[in-house]
Amino acid sequence: MVWRRTHSREGIRDLLSAVESQAAKALRLAERAQRDIGRGRFASFLDFRKQVEEVRALLTLTEGRVKDVEDAKRSDLRAEFERMDLFLMGMMAKTTRRCFAALRDDQALPIGARELFEPELRVIEQTRDRLNRPHYEGRVPPEVLEDLAATAELIGRIIARAPSLPDFSDSPSAPKPVKRLRTLSRAIRN
């Protein structure tokens, strides 16, 4: 037996408004991250990324719910979702580009910066793949694709000069135990 739940229009509209409010919060965090990255502080960038992931999760949930709506009701909700999705992806692309452009070429990066920024390349690729879907064809503004390409290039240059976390796996192995295991189980005699 398959359980299929239909979602109401009001529920989906609530999700869309939640996406909008979370995106507004992400925009505020992006402005702070851009300002802080220029000063060599990266903690606010992590807050921005966390918020972006929340927005992406809400978008994925909303997209799934829009697909579950009956066909007669789906067209206007789908159009609204796609409009918001395009807007948010464009905003995130532009904001991420500004954040990475704020990094100076001579700016010292913290240890682990490579691991911090490598997931950004995957996010850029996922966004690019999403924008290349057939239902977005011809609707994506060219500046969004330019922002994504420029951001990927900026991140690549930053990763090339960023220090990675120390690798302790090359350290010598622990010394082998001197006593054999069979001697450990003997009773101690006085």
C-alpha atoms as a PDB file:
ATOM      1  CA  MET A   1       0.000   0.000   0.000  1.00  0.00           C
ATOM      2  CA  VAL A   2       1.376   3.373  -0.985  1.00  0.00           C
ATOM      3  CA  TRP A   3       0.662   6.371   1.171  1.00  0.00           C
ATOM      4  CA  ARG A   4       0.413   9.493  -0.887  1.00  0.00           C
ATOM      5  CA  ARG A   5      -0.237  12.729   0.853  1.00  0.00           C
ATOM      6  CA  THR A   6      -1.558  15.694  -1.032  1.00  0.00           C
ATOM      7  CA  HIS A   7      -0.409  19.057   0.135  1.00  0.00           C
ATOM      8  CA  SER A   8      -2.624  22.106   0.326  1.00  0.00           C
ATOM      9  CA  ARG A   9      -1.988  25.309  -1.561  1.00  0.00           C
ATOM     10  CA  GLU A  10      -1.840  27.224   1.711  1.00  0.00           C
ATOM     11  CA  GLY A  11       0.830  24.895   3.043  1.00  0.00           C
ATOM     12  CA  ILE A  12       2.920  25.397  -0.071  1.00  0.00           C
ATOM     13  CA  ARG A  13       2.401  29.145   0.064  1.00  0.00           C
ATOM     14  CA  ASP A  14       3.577  29.060   3.687  1.00  0.00           C
ATOM     15  CA  LEU A  15       6.676  27.196   2.567  1.00  0.00           C
ATOM     16  CA  LEU A  16       7.300  29.768  -0.164  1.00  0.00           C
ATOM     17  CA  SER A  17       7.020  32.602   2.354  1.00  0.00           C
ATOM     18  CA  ALA A  18       9.403  30.726   4.684  1.00  0.00           C
ATOM     19  CA  VAL A  19      11.860  30.444   1.797  1.00  0.00           C
ATOM     20  CA  GLU A  20      11.587  34.191   1.248  1.00  0.00           C
ATOM     21  CA  SER A  21      12.200  35.029   4.901  1.00  0.00           C
ATOM     22  CA  GLN A  22      15.143  32.614   5.129  1.00  0.00           C
ATOM     23  CA  ALA A  23      16.577  34.084   1.936  1.00  0.00           C
ATOM     24  CA  ALA A  24      16.314  37.589   3.393  1.00  0.00           C
ATOM     25  CA  LYS A  25      18.205  36.388   6.446  1.00  0.00           C
ATOM     26  CA  ALA A  26      20.829  34.807   4.171  1.00  0.00           C
ATOM     27  CA  LEU A  27      21.213  38.125   2.364  1.00  0.00           C
ATOM     28  CA  ARG A  28      21.842  39.947   5.652  1.00  0.00           C
ATOM     29  CA  LEU A  29      24.400  37.319   6.647  1.00  0.00           C
ATOM     30  CA  ALA A  30      26.022  37.618   3.222  1.00  0.00           C
ATOM     31  CA  GLU A  31      26.533  41.340   3.665  1.00  0.00           C
ATOM     32  CA  ARG A  32      28.166  40.724   7.041  1.00  0.00           C
ATOM     33  CA  ALA A  33      30.295  37.893   5.633  1.00  0.00           C
ATOM     34  CA  GLN A  34      31.477  40.086   2.772  1.00  0.00           C
ATOM     35  CA  ARG A  35      32.469  42.813   5.208  1.00  0.00           C
ATOM     36  CA  ASP A  36      34.217  40.374   7.566  1.00  0.00           C
ATOM     37  CA  ILE A  37      36.078  38.466   4.848  1.00  0.00           C
ATOM     38  CA  GLY A  38      37.642  41.741   3.764  1.00  0.00           C
ATOM     39  CA  ARG A  39      38.955  42.038   7.325  1.00  0.00           C
ATOM     40  CA  GLY A  40      40.272  38.483   7.461  1.00  0.00           C
ATOM     41  CA  ARG A  41      37.474  36.955   9.554  1.00  0.00           C
ATOM     42  CA  PHE A  42      35.768  33.850   8.206  1.00  0.00           C
ATOM     43  CA  ALA A  43      33.291  32.837  10.926  1.00  0.00           C
ATOM     44  CA  SER A  44      30.481  34.928   9.461  1.00  0.00           C
ATOM     45  CA  PHE A  45      31.012  33.214   6.112  1.00  0.00           C
ATOM     46  CA  LEU A  46      30.244  29.908   7.815  1.00  0.00           C
ATOM     47  CA  ASP A  47      27.026  31.425   9.195  1.00  0.00           C
ATOM     48  CA  PHE A  48      26.129  32.558   5.684  1.00  0.00           C
ATOM     49  CA  ARG A  49      26.810  29.090   4.241  1.00  0.00           C
ATOM     50  CA  LYS A  50      24.707  27.471   6.969  1.00  0.00           C
ATOM     51  CA  GLN A  51      21.813  29.768   6.145  1.00  0.00           C
ATOM     52  CA  VAL A  52      22.196  29.083   2.420  1.00  0.00           C
ATOM     53  CA  GLU A  53      21.972  25.360   3.139  1.00  0.00           C
ATOM     54  CA  GLU A  54      18.746  25.965   5.062  1.00  0.00           C
ATOM     55  CA  VAL A  55      17.324  27.889   2.113  1.00  0.00           C
ATOM     56  CA  ARG A  56      18.361  25.110  -0.262  1.00  0.00           C
ATOM     57  CA  ALA A  57      16.719  22.508   1.987  1.00  0.00           C
ATOM     58  CA  LEU A  58      13.488  24.515   2.060  1.00  0.00           C
ATOM     59  CA  LEU A  59      13.641  24.865  -1.727  1.00  0.00           C
ATOM     60  CA  THR A  60      14.037  21.129  -2.132  1.00  0.00           C
ATOM     61  CA  LEU A  61      11.133  20.469   0.230  1.00  0.00           C
ATOM     62  CA  THR A  62       8.970  23.025  -1.557  1.00  0.00           C
ATOM     63  CA  GLU A  63       9.831  21.577  -4.951  1.00  0.00           C
ATOM     64  CA  GLY A  64       8.799  18.117  -3.776  1.00  0.00           C
ATOM     65  CA  ARG A  65       5.536  19.414  -2.390  1.00  0.00           C
ATOM     66  CA  VAL A  66       4.744  21.336  -5.576  1.00  0.00           C
ATOM     67  CA  LYS A  67       5.216  18.109  -7.546  1.00  0.00           C
ATOM     68  CA  ASP A  68       2.695  16.359  -5.257  1.00  0.00           C
ATOM     69  CA  VAL A  69      -0.058  18.904  -5.879  1.00  0.00           C
ATOM     70  CA  GLU A  70      -2.828  17.943  -8.286  1.00  0.00           C
ATOM     71  CA  ASP A  71      -2.190  18.981 -11.896  1.00  0.00           C
ATOM     72  CA  ALA A  72      -5.042  21.501 -12.004  1.00  0.00           C
ATOM     73  CA  LYS A  73      -3.568  23.475  -9.100  1.00  0.00           C
ATOM     74  CA  ARG A  74       0.076  22.968  -9.949  1.00  0.00           C
ATOM     75  CA  SER A  75       0.727  25.447 -12.770  1.00  0.00           C
ATOM     76  CA  ASP A  76       0.544  28.710 -10.827  1.00  0.00           C
ATOM     77  CA  LEU A  77       2.379  27.269  -7.801  1.00  0.00           C
ATOM     78  CA  ARG A  78       5.054  25.818 -10.078  1.00  0.00           C
ATOM     79  CA  ALA A  79       5.473  29.164 -11.850  1.00  0.00           C
ATOM     80  CA  GLU A  80       5.793  30.984  -8.529  1.00  0.00           C
ATOM     81  CA  PHE A  81       8.267  28.414  -7.230  1.00  0.00           C
ATOM     82  CA  GLU A  82      10.420  28.616 -10.377  1.00  0.00           C
ATOM     83  CA  ARG A  83      10.387  32.419 -10.283  1.00  0.00           C
ATOM     84  CA  MET A  84      11.519  32.394  -6.667  1.00  0.00           C
ATOM     85  CA  ASP A  85      14.070  29.642  -7.317  1.00  0.00           C
ATOM     86  CA  LEU A  86      15.639  31.613 -10.173  1.00  0.00           C
ATOM     87  CA  PHE A  87      15.713  34.767  -8.078  1.00  0.00           C
ATOM     88  CA  LEU A  88      17.312  33.013  -5.106  1.00  0.00           C
ATOM     89  CA  MET A  89      19.928  31.215  -7.190  1.00  0.00           C
ATOM     90  CA  GLY A  90      20.833  34.505  -8.856  1.00  0.00           C
ATOM     91  CA  MET A  91      21.043  36.273  -5.507  1.00  0.00           C
ATOM     92  CA  MET A  92      23.194  33.515  -3.992  1.00  0.00           C
ATOM     93  CA  ALA A  93      25.494  33.489  -7.032  1.00  0.00           C
ATOM     94  CA  LYS A  94      25.965  37.251  -6.904  1.00  0.00           C
ATOM     95  CA  THR A  95      26.459  37.314  -3.147  1.00  0.00           C
ATOM     96  CA  THR A  96      28.937  34.441  -3.147  1.00  0.00           C
ATOM     97  CA  ARG A  97      30.882  36.138  -5.919  1.00  0.00           C
ATOM     98  CA  ARG A  98      31.042  39.356  -3.906  1.00  0.00           C
ATOM     99  CA  CYS A  99      32.227  37.476  -0.814  1.00  0.00           C
ATOM    100  CA  PHE A 100      35.060  35.771  -2.655  1.00  0.00           C
ATOM    101  CA  ALA A 101      35.948  38.915  -4.589  1.00  0.00           C
ATOM    102  CA  ALA A 102      36.407  40.696  -1.254  1.00  0.00           C
ATOM    103  CA  LEU A 103      39.382  38.433  -0.472  1.00  0.00           C
ATOM    104  CA  ARG A 104      42.638  40.148  -1.338  1.00  0.00           C
ATOM    105  CA  ASP A 105      45.271  38.168  -3.223  1.00  0.00           C
ATOM    106  CA  ASP A 106      47.817  38.824  -0.474  1.00  0.00           C
ATOM    107  CA  GLN A 107      45.418  38.078   2.389  1.00  0.00           C
ATOM    108  CA  ALA A 108      46.562  35.369   4.777  1.00  0.00           C
ATOM    109  CA  LEU A 109      44.130  32.488   4.927  1.00  0.00           C
ATOM    110  CA  PRO A 110      43.580  30.338   8.012  1.00  0.00           C
ATOM    111  CA  ILE A 111      44.685  26.734   8.205  1.00  0.00           C
ATOM    112  CA  GLY A 112      41.889  24.616   6.793  1.00  0.00           C
ATOM    113  CA  ALA A 113      40.713  27.292   4.361  1.00  0.00           C
ATOM    114  CA  ARG A 114      41.055  24.817   1.519  1.00  0.00           C
ATOM    115  CA  GLU A 115      38.616  22.430   3.198  1.00  0.00           C
ATOM    116  CA  LEU A 116      36.316  25.351   3.967  1.00  0.00           C
ATOM    117  CA  PHE A 117      36.123  26.527   0.361  1.00  0.00           C
ATOM    118  CA  GLU A 118      36.179  23.224  -1.564  1.00  0.00           C
ATOM    119  CA  PRO A 119      32.481  22.513  -0.886  1.00  0.00           C
ATOM    120  CA  GLU A 120      31.721  25.868  -2.487  1.00  0.00           C
ATOM    121  CA  LEU A 121      32.884  24.520  -5.839  1.00  0.00           C
ATOM    122  CA  ARG A 122      30.451  21.624  -5.507  1.00  0.00           C
ATOM    123  CA  VAL A 123      27.632  24.028  -4.640  1.00  0.00           C
ATOM    124  CA  ILE A 124      28.481  26.152  -7.690  1.00  0.00           C
ATOM    125  CA  GLU A 125      28.423  23.047  -9.910  1.00  0.00           C
ATOM    126  CA  GLN A 126      25.092  21.907  -8.426  1.00  0.00           C
ATOM    127  CA  THR A 127      23.608  25.334  -9.030  1.00  0.00           C
ATOM    128  CA  ARG A 128      24.900  25.367 -12.591  1.00  0.00           C
ATOM    129  CA  ASP A 129      23.435  21.901 -13.193  1.00  0.00           C
ATOM    130  CA  ARG A 130      20.123  23.002 -11.740  1.00  0.00           C
ATOM    131  CA  LEU A 131      20.011  26.041 -14.014  1.00  0.00           C
ATOM    132  CA  ASN A 132      20.709  23.837 -17.030  1.00  0.00           C
ATOM    133  CA  ARG A 133      17.497  21.855 -16.490  1.00  0.00           C
ATOM    134  CA  PRO A 134      15.119  21.989 -19.459  1.00  0.00           C
ATOM    135  CA  HIS A 135      12.375  23.953 -17.674  1.00  0.00           C
ATOM    136  CA  TYR A 136      14.839  26.802 -16.930  1.00  0.00           C
ATOM    137  CA  GLU A 137      16.140  26.947 -20.493  1.00  0.00           C
ATOM    138  CA  GLY A 138      16.082  30.501 -21.826  1.00  0.00           C
ATOM    139  CA  ARG A 139      14.856  31.935 -18.516  1.00  0.00           C
ATOM    140  CA  VAL A 140      18.184  32.206 -16.711  1.00  0.00           C
ATOM    141  CA  PRO A 141      19.684  35.702 -16.913  1.00  0.00           C
ATOM    142  CA  PRO A 142      23.183  35.571 -18.458  1.00  0.00           C
ATOM    143  CA  GLU A 143      24.666  37.526 -15.547  1.00  0.00           C
ATOM    144  CA  VAL A 144      23.775  34.657 -13.189  1.00  0.00           C
ATOM    145  CA  LEU A 145      25.784  32.226 -15.297  1.00  0.00           C
ATOM    146  CA  GLU A 146      28.616  34.773 -15.469  1.00  0.00           C
ATOM    147  CA  ASP A 147      28.535  35.137 -11.680  1.00  0.00           C
ATOM    148  CA  LEU A 148      28.717  31.362 -11.272  1.00  0.00           C
ATOM    149  CA  ALA A 149      31.644  31.049 -13.678  1.00  0.00           C
ATOM    150  CA  ALA A 150      33.510  33.960 -12.090  1.00  0.00           C
ATOM    151  CA  THR A 151      32.870  32.606  -8.601  1.00  0.00           C
ATOM    152  CA  ALA A 152      34.160  29.167  -9.572  1.00  0.00           C
ATOM    153  CA  GLU A 153      37.314  30.799 -10.943  1.00  0.00           C
ATOM    154  CA  LEU A 154      37.795  32.911  -7.799  1.00  0.00           C
ATOM    155  CA  ILE A 155      37.323  29.903  -5.557  1.00  0.00           C
ATOM    156  CA  GLY A 156      39.773  27.893  -7.638  1.00  0.00           C
ATOM    157  CA  ARG A 157      42.442  30.571  -7.237  1.00  0.00           C
ATOM    158  CA  ILE A 158      41.807  30.845  -3.507  1.00  0.00           C
ATOM    159  CA  ILE A 159      41.961  27.072  -3.045  1.00  0.00           C
ATOM    160  CA  ALA A 160      45.241  26.944  -4.964  1.00  0.00           C
ATOM    161  CA  ARG A 161      46.911  29.238  -2.417  1.00  0.00           C
ATOM    162  CA  ALA A 162      44.963  28.208   0.704  1.00  0.00           C
ATOM    163  CA  PRO A 163      46.610  26.054   3.354  1.00  0.00           C
ATOM    164  CA  SER A 164      44.931  22.775   4.113  1.00  0.00           C
ATOM    165  CA  LEU A 165      44.490  21.073   7.439  1.00  0.00           C
ATOM    166  CA  PRO A 166      47.577  19.245   8.692  1.00  0.00           C
ATOM    167  CA  ASP A 167      47.744  15.625   7.641  1.00  0.00           C
ATOM    168  CA  PHE A 168      48.800  13.500  10.571  1.00  0.00           C
ATOM    169  CA  SER A 169      48.310  10.220   8.749  1.00  0.00           C
ATOM    170  CA  ASP A 170      51.970  10.149   7.643  1.00  0.00           C
ATOM    171  CA  SER A 171      53.185  10.043  11.230  1.00  0.00           C
ATOM    172  CA  PRO A 172      54.909   6.830  12.302  1.00  0.00           C
ATOM    173  CA  SER A 173      52.650   4.127  13.614  1.00  0.00           C
ATOM    174  CA  ALA A 174      52.301   3.575  17.317  1.00  0.00           C
ATOM    175  CA  PRO A 175      54.894   1.277  18.847  1.00  0.00           C
ATOM    176  CA  LYS A 176      53.910  -2.353  19.071  1.00  0.00           C
ATOM    177  CA  PRO A 177      53.133  -3.709  22.535  1.00  0.00           C
ATOM    178  CA  VAL A 178      56.038  -5.434  24.231  1.00  0.00           C
ATOM    179  CA  LYS A 179      54.001  -8.007  26.137  1.00  0.00           C
ATOM    180  CA  ARG A 180      52.087 -10.654  24.329  1.00  0.00           C
ATOM    181  CA  LEU A 181      48.352 -10.877  24.788  1.00  0.00           C
ATOM    182  CA  ARG A 182      48.490 -14.363  26.314  1.00  0.00           C
ATOM    183  CA  THR A 183      50.562 -13.063  29.228  1.00  0.00           C
ATOM    184  CA  LEU A 184      47.993 -10.428  30.046  1.00  0.00           C
ATOM    185  CA  SER A 185      45.416 -12.985  31.195  1.00  0.00           C
ATOM    186  CA  ARG A 186      47.668 -14.724  33.765  1.00  0.00           C
ATOM    187  CA  ALA A 187      46.866 -14.344  37.390  1.00  0.00           C
ATOM    188  CA  ILE A 188      49.377 -12.377  39.407  1.00  0.00           C
ATOM    189  CA  ARG A 189      51.130 -14.508  42.039  1.00  0.00           C
ATOM    190  CA  ASN A 190      52.895 -13.266  45.087  1.00  0.00           C
END
